[in-house]
Amino acid sequence: MSYYRHHVFFCTNKRDDGTACCANHDAQALRDYAKARVKALGLAGKGRVRINNAGCLDRCEEGPVIVIYPEAVWYTYVDQEDIDEIIEEHVLNGRIVERLRI
C-alpha cells in the first residue's frame, strides 16, 4: 500500500534562459491553492493526499504540468477552476479529467 492514496506533484521549475517552464504559468501559486484546497476538504495527510512541489518534470512544452501517483496520470491546467476539477474528479472520485490529461 502506498503511503499516500494520491501523491500530486506540481512542476514549479523556473528556467533562467527564458525557455518554456511551468513557473511562467503561475505554477507555485496554483500549487499553493491546491494544497490549501486539499487541506480545507480534510483530505491531507498520511494515507490520504499529499501535494508537493517538483523540480523539472521535463514536459515544459505541455506545461504547466502535474502528475498524480499512484496512477501516473499527467495533467496540464490553466487556473483554479482546472485545479478544482482535478481535485473533485480525480482525487475525490477516481475519474480522470480527460480534457486536461496530457
N, C-alpha and C. Protein backbone atom coordinates (compact mmCIF):
# COMPACT_ATOMS: atom_id res chain seq x y z
N MET A 1 0.83 -1.18 0.00
CA MET A 1 0.00 0.00 0.00
C MET A 1 0.88 1.25 0.00
N SER A 2 0.51 2.21 -0.78
CA SER A 2 1.23 3.47 -0.87
C SER A 2 1.06 4.28 0.41
N TYR A 3 2.05 5.06 0.75
CA TYR A 3 1.98 5.91 1.94
C TYR A 3 0.84 6.92 1.81
N TYR A 4 0.63 7.43 0.58
CA TYR A 4 -0.48 8.33 0.30
C TYR A 4 -1.42 7.67 -0.70
N ARG A 5 -2.69 7.93 -0.57
CA ARG A 5 -3.65 7.44 -1.56
C ARG A 5 -3.41 8.12 -2.89
N HIS A 6 -3.13 9.43 -2.84
CA HIS A 6 -2.75 10.20 -4.03
C HIS A 6 -1.60 11.11 -3.66
N HIS A 7 -0.57 11.10 -4.51
CA HIS A 7 0.58 11.99 -4.33
C HIS A 7 0.64 12.85 -5.59
N VAL A 8 0.43 14.14 -5.41
CA VAL A 8 0.31 15.08 -6.52
C VAL A 8 1.56 15.96 -6.58
N PHE A 9 2.25 15.88 -7.71
CA PHE A 9 3.47 16.67 -7.90
C PHE A 9 3.22 17.79 -8.90
N PHE A 10 3.46 19.02 -8.48
CA PHE A 10 3.36 20.20 -9.33
C PHE A 10 4.75 20.61 -9.76
N CYS A 11 5.00 20.64 -11.05
CA CYS A 11 6.25 21.21 -11.52
C CYS A 11 6.19 22.71 -11.28
N THR A 12 7.18 23.22 -10.57
CA THR A 12 7.27 24.66 -10.31
C THR A 12 8.62 25.19 -10.79
N ASN A 13 9.24 24.44 -11.68
CA ASN A 13 10.57 24.77 -12.17
C ASN A 13 10.60 26.11 -12.92
N LYS A 14 11.67 26.86 -12.68
CA LYS A 14 11.91 28.13 -13.37
C LYS A 14 13.19 27.99 -14.17
N ARG A 15 13.09 28.21 -15.46
CA ARG A 15 14.29 28.18 -16.32
C ARG A 15 14.79 29.61 -16.50
N ASP A 16 16.05 29.80 -16.23
CA ASP A 16 16.65 31.13 -16.29
C ASP A 16 16.95 31.59 -17.70
N ASP A 17 16.93 30.68 -18.67
CA ASP A 17 17.28 31.06 -20.04
C ASP A 17 16.09 31.59 -20.85
N GLY A 18 14.94 31.70 -20.21
CA GLY A 18 13.77 32.25 -20.89
C GLY A 18 12.94 31.24 -21.67
N THR A 19 13.35 29.97 -21.71
CA THR A 19 12.57 28.97 -22.43
C THR A 19 11.35 28.57 -21.59
N ALA A 20 10.45 27.84 -22.22
CA ALA A 20 9.20 27.44 -21.58
C ALA A 20 9.46 26.74 -20.25
N CYS A 21 8.69 27.11 -19.25
CA CYS A 21 8.76 26.45 -17.95
C CYS A 21 7.45 26.67 -17.20
N CYS A 22 7.19 25.80 -16.27
CA CYS A 22 5.93 25.85 -15.53
C CYS A 22 5.82 27.11 -14.67
N ALA A 23 6.94 27.60 -14.16
CA ALA A 23 6.90 28.80 -13.33
C ALA A 23 6.34 30.00 -14.08
N ASN A 24 6.48 30.00 -15.40
CA ASN A 24 5.93 31.10 -16.20
C ASN A 24 4.41 31.10 -16.24
N HIS A 25 3.79 30.06 -15.70
CA HIS A 25 2.33 29.92 -15.72
C HIS A 25 1.74 29.95 -14.32
N ASP A 26 2.42 30.61 -13.40
CA ASP A 26 1.94 30.77 -12.02
C ASP A 26 1.80 29.43 -11.30
N ALA A 27 2.69 28.49 -11.61
CA ALA A 27 2.60 27.14 -11.05
C ALA A 27 2.68 27.12 -9.53
N GLN A 28 3.55 27.94 -8.95
CA GLN A 28 3.68 27.92 -7.48
C GLN A 28 2.39 28.37 -6.81
N ALA A 29 1.78 29.42 -7.30
CA ALA A 29 0.54 29.91 -6.70
C ALA A 29 -0.58 28.89 -6.84
N LEU A 30 -0.64 28.21 -7.97
CA LEU A 30 -1.69 27.20 -8.15
C LEU A 30 -1.40 25.94 -7.35
N ARG A 31 -0.14 25.62 -7.14
CA ARG A 31 0.21 24.52 -6.23
C ARG A 31 -0.20 24.87 -4.81
N ASP A 32 0.08 26.11 -4.39
CA ASP A 32 -0.31 26.56 -3.05
C ASP A 32 -1.83 26.51 -2.89
N TYR A 33 -2.54 26.91 -3.94
CA TYR A 33 -4.00 26.85 -3.91
C TYR A 33 -4.47 25.40 -3.74
N ALA A 34 -3.89 24.47 -4.51
CA ALA A 34 -4.27 23.05 -4.42
C ALA A 34 -4.02 22.51 -3.02
N LYS A 35 -2.89 22.85 -2.45
CA LYS A 35 -2.54 22.37 -1.11
C LYS A 35 -3.57 22.88 -0.08
N ALA A 36 -3.90 24.15 -0.16
CA ALA A 36 -4.89 24.73 0.75
C ALA A 36 -6.27 24.10 0.54
N ARG A 37 -6.62 23.86 -0.70
CA ARG A 37 -7.93 23.27 -1.03
C ARG A 37 -8.03 21.85 -0.48
N VAL A 38 -6.98 21.06 -0.65
CA VAL A 38 -6.97 19.69 -0.15
C VAL A 38 -7.07 19.69 1.38
N LYS A 39 -6.36 20.61 2.02
CA LYS A 39 -6.46 20.72 3.49
C LYS A 39 -7.86 21.12 3.91
N ALA A 40 -8.44 22.10 3.24
CA ALA A 40 -9.78 22.57 3.57
C ALA A 40 -10.83 21.47 3.43
N LEU A 41 -10.61 20.57 2.48
CA LEU A 41 -11.54 19.46 2.26
C LEU A 41 -11.27 18.30 3.23
N GLY A 42 -10.25 18.42 4.07
CA GLY A 42 -9.93 17.38 5.03
C GLY A 42 -9.30 16.15 4.39
N LEU A 43 -8.62 16.34 3.26
CA LEU A 43 -8.05 15.22 2.52
C LEU A 43 -6.56 15.03 2.74
N ALA A 44 -5.91 15.96 3.42
CA ALA A 44 -4.45 15.92 3.55
C ALA A 44 -4.00 14.96 4.64
N GLY A 45 -2.83 14.39 4.44
CA GLY A 45 -2.20 13.59 5.49
C GLY A 45 -1.93 12.16 5.10
N LYS A 46 -1.29 11.45 6.01
CA LYS A 46 -0.90 10.06 5.80
C LYS A 46 -2.11 9.22 5.38
N GLY A 47 -1.90 8.45 4.33
CA GLY A 47 -2.98 7.60 3.83
C GLY A 47 -4.01 8.34 3.01
N ARG A 48 -3.80 9.62 2.81
CA ARG A 48 -4.77 10.43 2.09
C ARG A 48 -4.10 11.10 0.89
N VAL A 49 -4.00 12.42 0.90
CA VAL A 49 -3.48 13.15 -0.26
C VAL A 49 -2.31 14.03 0.17
N ARG A 50 -1.29 14.06 -0.68
CA ARG A 50 -0.13 14.93 -0.47
C ARG A 50 0.10 15.76 -1.73
N ILE A 51 0.23 17.06 -1.56
CA ILE A 51 0.55 17.98 -2.66
C ILE A 51 2.00 18.42 -2.47
N ASN A 52 2.82 18.23 -3.52
CA ASN A 52 4.24 18.58 -3.44
C ASN A 52 4.70 19.41 -4.62
N ASN A 53 5.75 20.21 -4.37
CA ASN A 53 6.50 20.84 -5.45
C ASN A 53 7.38 19.78 -6.09
N ALA A 54 7.65 19.97 -7.35
CA ALA A 54 8.62 19.12 -8.04
C ALA A 54 9.54 20.02 -8.84
N GLY A 55 10.73 19.56 -9.02
CA GLY A 55 11.64 20.24 -9.95
C GLY A 55 11.12 19.99 -11.36
N CYS A 56 11.95 20.17 -12.31
CA CYS A 56 11.54 20.00 -13.70
C CYS A 56 11.05 18.57 -13.95
N LEU A 57 9.86 18.46 -14.51
CA LEU A 57 9.30 17.16 -14.87
C LEU A 57 9.50 16.87 -16.35
N ASP A 58 10.22 17.76 -17.04
CA ASP A 58 10.65 17.58 -18.42
C ASP A 58 9.51 17.50 -19.44
N ARG A 59 8.44 18.21 -19.15
CA ARG A 59 7.34 18.30 -20.11
C ARG A 59 6.94 19.78 -20.27
N CYS A 60 7.92 20.63 -20.26
CA CYS A 60 7.71 22.08 -20.25
C CYS A 60 6.83 22.57 -21.38
N GLU A 61 6.98 21.97 -22.55
CA GLU A 61 6.19 22.42 -23.71
C GLU A 61 4.71 22.11 -23.55
N GLU A 62 4.36 21.27 -22.58
CA GLU A 62 2.96 20.93 -22.33
C GLU A 62 2.45 21.59 -21.07
N GLY A 63 3.26 22.40 -20.45
CA GLY A 63 3.00 22.93 -19.11
C GLY A 63 2.03 24.08 -19.05
N PRO A 64 1.69 24.39 -17.84
CA PRO A 64 2.20 23.80 -16.62
C PRO A 64 1.68 22.38 -16.44
N VAL A 65 2.43 21.57 -15.69
CA VAL A 65 2.05 20.18 -15.55
C VAL A 65 2.04 19.72 -14.10
N ILE A 66 1.18 18.73 -13.85
CA ILE A 66 1.19 17.98 -12.60
C ILE A 66 1.11 16.51 -12.97
N VAL A 67 1.56 15.68 -12.05
CA VAL A 67 1.41 14.24 -12.21
C VAL A 67 0.88 13.70 -10.88
N ILE A 68 -0.09 12.79 -10.99
CA ILE A 68 -0.71 12.21 -9.80
C ILE A 68 -0.37 10.73 -9.74
N TYR A 69 0.22 10.33 -8.62
CA TYR A 69 0.53 8.92 -8.37
C TYR A 69 -0.39 8.40 -7.28
N PRO A 70 -0.73 7.12 -7.29
CA PRO A 70 -0.02 6.05 -7.96
C PRO A 70 -0.47 5.79 -9.40
N GLU A 71 -1.46 6.51 -9.89
CA GLU A 71 -1.96 6.25 -11.24
C GLU A 71 -1.03 6.73 -12.35
N ALA A 72 -0.11 7.62 -12.03
CA ALA A 72 0.81 8.21 -13.01
C ALA A 72 0.06 8.91 -14.13
N VAL A 73 -0.94 9.69 -13.75
CA VAL A 73 -1.72 10.47 -14.71
C VAL A 73 -1.17 11.89 -14.73
N TRP A 74 -0.88 12.37 -15.95
CA TRP A 74 -0.33 13.70 -16.16
C TRP A 74 -1.44 14.65 -16.61
N TYR A 75 -1.41 15.86 -16.04
CA TYR A 75 -2.37 16.90 -16.41
C TYR A 75 -1.66 18.22 -16.70
N THR A 76 -2.32 19.02 -17.50
CA THR A 76 -1.99 20.42 -17.60
C THR A 76 -3.18 21.18 -17.03
N TYR A 77 -3.01 22.46 -16.78
CA TYR A 77 -4.08 23.26 -16.18
C TYR A 77 -3.83 24.72 -16.53
N VAL A 78 -4.89 25.53 -16.34
CA VAL A 78 -4.78 26.95 -16.62
C VAL A 78 -5.04 27.79 -15.38
N ASP A 79 -6.02 27.39 -14.58
CA ASP A 79 -6.47 28.24 -13.49
C ASP A 79 -7.00 27.42 -12.31
N GLN A 80 -7.52 28.11 -11.31
CA GLN A 80 -8.05 27.45 -10.11
C GLN A 80 -9.22 26.53 -10.44
N GLU A 81 -10.01 26.89 -11.43
CA GLU A 81 -11.14 26.03 -11.81
C GLU A 81 -10.65 24.68 -12.31
N ASP A 82 -9.55 24.66 -13.06
CA ASP A 82 -8.98 23.40 -13.52
C ASP A 82 -8.47 22.58 -12.33
N ILE A 83 -7.82 23.24 -11.39
CA ILE A 83 -7.32 22.54 -10.20
C ILE A 83 -8.49 21.97 -9.41
N ASP A 84 -9.55 22.75 -9.24
CA ASP A 84 -10.74 22.27 -8.54
C ASP A 84 -11.31 21.03 -9.23
N GLU A 85 -11.36 21.06 -10.55
CA GLU A 85 -11.90 19.92 -11.30
C GLU A 85 -11.03 18.67 -11.12
N ILE A 86 -9.72 18.84 -11.14
CA ILE A 86 -8.82 17.71 -10.93
C ILE A 86 -9.00 17.13 -9.53
N ILE A 87 -9.09 17.99 -8.54
CA ILE A 87 -9.28 17.52 -7.16
C ILE A 87 -10.63 16.81 -7.03
N GLU A 88 -11.67 17.43 -7.53
CA GLU A 88 -13.02 16.85 -7.42
C GLU A 88 -13.14 15.53 -8.17
N GLU A 89 -12.74 15.54 -9.42
CA GLU A 89 -12.95 14.36 -10.26
C GLU A 89 -11.92 13.26 -10.00
N HIS A 90 -10.66 13.59 -10.06
CA HIS A 90 -9.62 12.56 -9.94
C HIS A 90 -9.38 12.15 -8.49
N VAL A 91 -9.06 13.13 -7.66
CA VAL A 91 -8.67 12.82 -6.29
C VAL A 91 -9.85 12.30 -5.47
N LEU A 92 -10.99 12.95 -5.57
CA LEU A 92 -12.13 12.53 -4.76
C LEU A 92 -12.91 11.37 -5.36
N ASN A 93 -13.08 11.37 -6.68
CA ASN A 93 -13.99 10.41 -7.31
C ASN A 93 -13.32 9.39 -8.21
N GLY A 94 -12.00 9.49 -8.37
CA GLY A 94 -11.28 8.49 -9.15
C GLY A 94 -11.54 8.52 -10.64
N ARG A 95 -12.02 9.66 -11.14
CA ARG A 95 -12.29 9.79 -12.58
C ARG A 95 -11.26 10.71 -13.21
N ILE A 96 -10.60 10.22 -14.24
CA ILE A 96 -9.60 11.02 -14.95
C ILE A 96 -10.28 12.15 -15.70
N VAL A 97 -9.70 13.33 -15.62
CA VAL A 97 -10.22 14.51 -16.31
C VAL A 97 -9.58 14.52 -17.71
N GLU A 98 -10.25 13.92 -18.65
CA GLU A 98 -9.67 13.73 -19.98
C GLU A 98 -9.32 15.04 -20.68
N ARG A 99 -10.11 16.08 -20.49
CA ARG A 99 -9.84 17.34 -21.20
C ARG A 99 -8.54 17.99 -20.76
N LEU A 100 -8.03 17.63 -19.58
CA LEU A 100 -6.79 18.21 -19.08
C LEU A 100 -5.63 17.22 -19.10
N ARG A 101 -5.90 16.01 -19.46
CA ARG A 101 -4.87 14.96 -19.48
C ARG A 101 -3.88 15.17 -20.62
N ILE A 102 -2.60 14.92 -20.33
CA ILE A 102 -1.57 15.00 -21.37
C ILE A 102 -0.81 13.69 -21.42
